[in-house]
C-alpha atoms as a PDB file:
ATOM      1  CA  MET A   1       0.013   0.015  -0.002  1.00  0.00           C
ATOM      2  CA  ARG A   2       1.283   3.393  -0.882  1.00  0.00           C
ATOM      3  CA  GLN A   3       0.458   6.992  -0.156  1.00  0.00           C
ATOM      4  CA  GLU A   4      -1.490   7.353  -3.431  1.00  0.00           C
ATOM      5  CA  HIS A   5      -3.797   4.546  -2.340  1.00  0.00           C
ATOM      6  CA  LEU A   6      -4.815   6.596   0.654  1.00  0.00           C
ATOM      7  CA  ARG A   7      -5.001   9.997  -0.991  1.00  0.00           C
ATOM      8  CA  ASP A   8      -8.829  10.040  -1.416  1.00  0.00           C
ATOM      9  CA  PHE A   9      -9.295   8.941   2.204  1.00  0.00           C
ATOM     10  CA  ILE A  10      -6.932  11.545   3.546  1.00  0.00           C
ATOM     11  CA  GLU A  11      -8.575  14.287   1.481  1.00  0.00           C
ATOM     12  CA  CYS A  12     -12.013  13.276   2.692  1.00  0.00           C
ATOM     13  CA  TYR A  13     -10.821  12.752   6.283  1.00  0.00           C
ATOM     14  CA  ASN A  14      -9.360  16.274   6.237  1.00  0.00           C
ATOM     15  CA  PRO A  15      -7.061  15.867   9.205  1.00  0.00           C
ATOM     16  CA  THR A  16      -6.226  19.617   9.199  1.00  0.00           C
ATOM     17  CA  ASN A  17      -9.829  20.602   9.759  1.00  0.00           C
ATOM     18  CA  ARG A  18     -12.144  17.801  10.791  1.00  0.00           C
ATOM     19  CA  HIS A  19     -15.145  20.144  10.886  1.00  0.00           C
ATOM     20  CA  GLN A  20     -14.923  20.609   7.122  1.00  0.00           C
ATOM     21  CA  ARG A  21     -15.087  16.967   6.121  1.00  0.00           C
ATOM     22  CA  THR A  22     -17.254  16.152   3.162  1.00  0.00           C
ATOM     23  CA  GLU A  23     -18.870  12.798   2.284  1.00  0.00           C
ATOM     24  CA  THR A  24     -18.642  11.370  -1.186  1.00  0.00           C
ATOM     25  CA  TRP A  25     -21.549   8.999  -0.696  1.00  0.00           C
ATOM     26  CA  GLN A  26     -24.958  10.311  -1.517  1.00  0.00           C
ATOM     27  CA  PRO A  27     -27.901   7.900  -1.763  1.00  0.00           C
ATOM     28  CA  GLU A  28     -29.380   9.516  -4.913  1.00  0.00           C
ATOM     29  CA  ASP A  29     -26.445  11.376  -6.475  1.00  0.00           C
ATOM     30  CA  ASN A  30     -23.463   9.098  -5.736  1.00  0.00           C
ATOM     31  CA  PRO A  31     -24.538   5.720  -4.307  1.00  0.00           C
ATOM     32  CA  ASP A  32     -21.086   4.321  -5.123  1.00  0.00           C
ATOM     33  CA  GLY A  33     -19.229   6.996  -3.151  1.00  0.00           C
ATOM     34  CA  ARG A  34     -16.850   5.396  -0.675  1.00  0.00           C
ATOM     35  CA  TRP A  35     -16.797   7.990   2.145  1.00  0.00           C
ATOM     36  CA  ARG A  36     -19.637   8.769   4.419  1.00  0.00           C
ATOM     37  CA  CYS A  37     -20.446   9.673   7.991  1.00  0.00           C
ATOM     38  CA  TYR A  38     -22.662   7.728  10.368  1.00  0.00           C
ATOM     39  CA  SER A  39     -24.657   9.113  13.241  1.00  0.00           C
ATOM     40  CA  TYR A  40     -24.488   7.428  16.600  1.00  0.00           C
ATOM     41  CA  GLU A  41     -28.047   6.230  16.138  1.00  0.00           C
ATOM     42  CA  GLU A  42     -27.132   4.484  12.850  1.00  0.00           C
ATOM     43  CA  ILE A  43     -24.223   2.685  14.393  1.00  0.00           C
ATOM     44  CA  VAL A  44     -25.995   1.382  17.458  1.00  0.00           C
ATOM     45  CA  ALA A  45     -29.020   0.333  15.375  1.00  0.00           C
ATOM     46  CA  ARG A  46     -26.849  -2.280  13.623  1.00  0.00           C
ATOM     47  CA  ASP A  47     -26.653  -5.782  14.910  1.00  0.00           C
ATOM     48  CA  LYS A  48     -24.096  -5.855  17.675  1.00  0.00           C
ATOM     49  CA  THR A  49     -23.027  -2.336  16.653  1.00  0.00           C
ATOM     50  CA  SER A  50     -20.739  -3.864  14.023  1.00  0.00           C
ATOM     51  CA  LEU A  51     -18.755  -1.408  12.000  1.00  0.00           C
ATOM     52  CA  ASP A  52     -18.631  -3.875   9.112  1.00  0.00           C
ATOM     53  CA  ILE A  53     -19.039  -1.763   5.992  1.00  0.00           C
ATOM     54  CA  PHE A  54     -20.875  -4.535   4.065  1.00  0.00           C
ATOM     55  CA  TRP A  55     -22.260  -2.035   1.583  1.00  0.00           C
ATOM     56  CA  LEU A  56     -18.791  -1.216   0.288  1.00  0.00           C
ATOM     57  CA  LYS A  57     -17.827  -3.786  -2.271  1.00  0.00           C
ATOM     58  CA  ASP A  58     -15.175  -3.811  -5.023  1.00  0.00           C
ATOM     59  CA  LYS A  59     -17.394  -4.421  -8.117  1.00  0.00           C
ATOM     60  CA  SER A  60     -14.385  -5.677 -10.117  1.00  0.00           C
ATOM     61  CA  LEU A  61     -14.157  -8.695  -7.757  1.00  0.00           C
ATOM     62  CA  ALA A  62     -17.832  -9.565  -8.269  1.00  0.00           C
ATOM     63  CA  ASP A  63     -17.467 -10.097 -12.028  1.00  0.00           C
ATOM     64  CA  LEU A  64     -15.920 -13.536 -12.001  1.00  0.00           C
ATOM     65  CA  ASP A  65     -16.240 -13.937 -15.812  1.00  0.00           C
ATOM     66  CA  ASN A  66     -13.757 -11.128 -16.421  1.00  0.00           C
ATOM     67  CA  LEU A  67     -10.947 -12.134 -14.014  1.00  0.00           C
ATOM     68  CA  PRO A  68      -7.410 -12.158 -15.430  1.00  0.00           C
ATOM     69  CA  GLU A  69      -5.776 -15.493 -16.204  1.00  0.00           C
ATOM     70  CA  PRO A  70      -4.228 -17.242 -13.178  1.00  0.00           C
ATOM     71  CA  GLU A  71      -0.772 -16.535 -14.590  1.00  0.00           C
ATOM     72  CA  VAL A  72      -1.431 -12.818 -14.671  1.00  0.00           C
ATOM     73  CA  LEU A  73      -2.793 -12.868 -11.127  1.00  0.00           C
ATOM     74  CA  ALA A  74       0.210 -14.824  -9.914  1.00  0.00           C
ATOM     75  CA  GLU A  75       2.620 -12.411 -11.587  1.00  0.00           C
ATOM     76  CA  GLU A  76       0.787  -9.398  -9.984  1.00  0.00           C
ATOM     77  CA  ILE A  77       0.963 -11.077  -6.587  1.00  0.00           C
ATOM     78  CA  ILE A  78       4.681 -11.667  -6.946  1.00  0.00           C
ATOM     79  CA  GLN A  79       5.278  -8.077  -8.083  1.00  0.00           C
ATOM     80  CA  ASN A  80       3.312  -6.789  -5.076  1.00  0.00           C
ATOM     81  CA  LEU A  81       5.229  -9.049  -2.662  1.00  0.00           C
ATOM     82  CA  GLU A  82       8.563  -7.960  -4.133  1.00  0.00           C
ATOM     83  CA  ALA A  83       7.596  -4.323  -3.927  1.00  0.00           C
ATOM     84  CA  GLY A  84       6.615  -4.864  -0.308  1.00  0.00           C
ATOM     85  CA  LEU A  85       9.924  -6.492   0.480  1.00  0.00           C
ATOM     86  CA  THR A  86      11.793  -3.653  -1.154  1.00  0.00           C
ATOM     87  CA  SER A  87       9.841  -1.179   0.933  1.00  0.00           C
ATOM     88  CA  PHE A  88      10.612  -3.116   4.148  1.00  0.00           C
ATOM     89  CA  ARG A  89      14.329  -3.290   3.232  1.00  0.00           C
ATOM     90  CA  GLU A  90      14.314   0.487   2.745  1.00  0.00           C
ATOM     91  CA  VAL A  91      12.672   0.995   6.106  1.00  0.00           C
ATOM     92  CA  LEU A  92      15.225  -1.337   7.744  1.00  0.00           C
ATOM     93  CA  ALA A  93      18.104   0.484   6.050  1.00  0.00           C
ATOM     94  CA  SER A  94      16.718   3.794   7.245  1.00  0.00           C
ATOM     95  CA  LEU A  95      16.403   2.498  10.785  1.00  0.00           C
ATOM     96  CA  ASN A  96      19.919   1.183  10.707  1.00  0.00           C
ATOM     97  CA  THR A  97      21.224   4.460   9.409  1.00  0.00           C
ATOM     98  CA  SER A  98      19.430   6.466  12.011  1.00  0.00           C
ATOM     99  CA  ILE A  99      20.866   4.276  14.826  1.00  0.00           C
ATOM    100  CA  GLU A 100      24.451   4.754  13.670  1.00  0.00           C
END
């Protein structure tokens, strides 16, 4: 996961001014919007006050007929794992440098 993957969330979350946060979910105008607020009443009305956001689904995963070939998926997984290892190595190197 990288900074650009969180950019929309950070912009919506608006950490510099939480009173000016804006939702991207609107029932009529943007039902696929990913960011919304819940009132206390909405949360406690749920079964066991679960914060499971079941309504948020990645539609690309639901279309099983259009999945990439297994070889493509495997290659993407390998690339993601290698990128993660590279990132962890950079963090470790940074930590080692800051200790010295």
